Amino acid sequence: MSIGDKVILSAVIGGTAEALWGGKFANGAVTGAIVFTLRNSVQLYVTMSQCITQSFSEFFCFKFTVRLCA
């Protein structure tokens, strides 16, 4: 499933839930799409931060080890 498909699915689920509770389908659809997009963005940021932190850590440990051995 592509990201676009997941956004659409989240919009449909959000809209359906809103309509079942007596609200407007469009409001729930927009909310569902926005929540999915924001959550996905935060997950991507956290993953990238972890990757960058690990890369810096490995780089500095390697540099420190090389200086000790030289």
C-alpha atoms as a PDB file:
ATOM      1  CA  MET A   1       0.000   0.000   0.000  1.00  0.00           C
ATOM      2  CA  SER A   2       1.362   3.398  -0.908  1.00  0.00           C
ATOM      3  CA  ILE A   3       1.292   6.420   1.396  1.00  0.00           C
ATOM      4  CA  GLY A   4      -1.496   7.966  -0.701  1.00  0.00           C
ATOM      5  CA  ASP A   5      -3.610   4.837  -0.325  1.00  0.00           C
ATOM      6  CA  LYS A   6      -3.089   4.895   3.435  1.00  0.00           C
ATOM      7  CA  VAL A   7      -4.111   8.559   3.647  1.00  0.00           C
ATOM      8  CA  ILE A   8      -7.283   7.833   1.669  1.00  0.00           C
ATOM      9  CA  LEU A   9      -8.059   4.798   3.834  1.00  0.00           C
ATOM     10  CA  SER A  10      -7.568   6.882   6.994  1.00  0.00           C
ATOM     11  CA  ALA A  11      -9.878   9.543   5.566  1.00  0.00           C
ATOM     12  CA  VAL A  12     -12.582   6.979   4.797  1.00  0.00           C
ATOM     13  CA  ILE A  13     -12.303   5.394   8.241  1.00  0.00           C
ATOM     14  CA  GLY A  14     -12.355   8.793   9.956  1.00  0.00           C
ATOM     15  CA  GLY A  15     -15.317   9.949   7.892  1.00  0.00           C
ATOM     16  CA  THR A  16     -17.263   6.768   8.545  1.00  0.00           C
ATOM     17  CA  ALA A  17     -16.638   6.948  12.287  1.00  0.00           C
ATOM     18  CA  GLU A  18     -17.713  10.597  12.363  1.00  0.00           C
ATOM     19  CA  ALA A  19     -20.878   9.822  10.392  1.00  0.00           C
ATOM     20  CA  LEU A  20     -21.737   6.917  12.713  1.00  0.00           C
ATOM     21  CA  TRP A  21     -21.536   9.277  15.696  1.00  0.00           C
ATOM     22  CA  GLY A  22     -23.854  11.777  14.014  1.00  0.00           C
ATOM     23  CA  GLY A  23     -21.291  14.219  12.620  1.00  0.00           C
ATOM     24  CA  LYS A  24     -20.360  15.201   9.099  1.00  0.00           C
ATOM     25  CA  PHE A  25     -18.451  12.666   7.017  1.00  0.00           C
ATOM     26  CA  ALA A  26     -16.246  15.400   5.516  1.00  0.00           C
ATOM     27  CA  ASN A  27     -15.052  16.615   8.933  1.00  0.00           C
ATOM     28  CA  GLY A  28     -14.065  13.108   9.995  1.00  0.00           C
ATOM     29  CA  ALA A  29     -12.386  12.423   6.655  1.00  0.00           C
ATOM     30  CA  VAL A  30     -10.232  15.541   6.878  1.00  0.00           C
ATOM     31  CA  THR A  31      -9.346  14.825  10.497  1.00  0.00           C
ATOM     32  CA  GLY A  32      -8.442  11.206   9.692  1.00  0.00           C
ATOM     33  CA  ALA A  33      -6.200  12.223   6.798  1.00  0.00           C
ATOM     34  CA  ILE A  34      -4.451  14.946   8.816  1.00  0.00           C
ATOM     35  CA  VAL A  35      -3.871  12.685  11.835  1.00  0.00           C
ATOM     36  CA  PHE A  36      -2.379   9.957   9.642  1.00  0.00           C
ATOM     37  CA  THR A  37      -0.117  12.427   7.837  1.00  0.00           C
ATOM     38  CA  LEU A  38       1.150  14.019  11.061  1.00  0.00           C
ATOM     39  CA  ARG A  39       1.705  10.668  12.751  1.00  0.00           C
ATOM     40  CA  ASN A  40       3.583   9.365   9.717  1.00  0.00           C
ATOM     41  CA  SER A  41       5.745  12.519   9.652  1.00  0.00           C
ATOM     42  CA  VAL A  42       6.653  12.136  13.327  1.00  0.00           C
ATOM     43  CA  GLN A  43       7.582   8.476  12.817  1.00  0.00           C
ATOM     44  CA  LEU A  44       9.811   9.429   9.875  1.00  0.00           C
ATOM     45  CA  TYR A  45      11.505  12.167  11.943  1.00  0.00           C
ATOM     46  CA  VAL A  46      12.155   9.785  14.855  1.00  0.00           C
ATOM     47  CA  THR A  47      13.573   7.123  12.525  1.00  0.00           C
ATOM     48  CA  MET A  48      15.850   9.635  10.802  1.00  0.00           C
ATOM     49  CA  SER A  49      17.009  11.038  14.172  1.00  0.00           C
ATOM     50  CA  GLN A  50      17.891   7.569  15.414  1.00  0.00           C
ATOM     51  CA  CYS A  51      19.785   6.812  12.213  1.00  0.00           C
ATOM     52  CA  ILE A  52      21.741  10.078  12.365  1.00  0.00           C
ATOM     53  CA  THR A  53      22.550   9.585  16.059  1.00  0.00           C
ATOM     54  CA  GLN A  54      23.792   6.066  15.396  1.00  0.00           C
ATOM     55  CA  SER A  55      25.896   7.228  12.436  1.00  0.00           C
ATOM     56  CA  PHE A  56      27.561  10.002  14.465  1.00  0.00           C
ATOM     57  CA  SER A  57      28.148   7.612  17.346  1.00  0.00           C
ATOM     58  CA  GLU A  58      29.807   5.035  15.075  1.00  0.00           C
ATOM     59  CA  PHE A  59      31.892   7.725  13.360  1.00  0.00           C
ATOM     60  CA  PHE A  60      33.221   9.228  16.590  1.00  0.00           C
ATOM     61  CA  CYS A  61      33.890   5.819  18.153  1.00  0.00           C
ATOM     62  CA  PHE A  62      35.855   4.807  15.056  1.00  0.00           C
ATOM     63  CA  LYS A  63      37.833   8.060  15.072  1.00  0.00           C
ATOM     64  CA  PHE A  64      38.585   7.739  18.776  1.00  0.00           C
ATOM     65  CA  THR A  65      39.707   4.099  18.350  1.00  0.00           C
ATOM     66  CA  VAL A  66      42.007   4.980  15.440  1.00  0.00           C
ATOM     67  CA  ARG A  67      43.675   7.756  17.467  1.00  0.00           C
ATOM     68  CA  LEU A  68      44.253   5.430  20.413  1.00  0.00           C
ATOM     69  CA  CYS A  69      45.853   2.782  18.221  1.00  0.00           C
ATOM     70  CA  ALA A  70      48.046   5.207  16.229  1.00  0.00           C
END
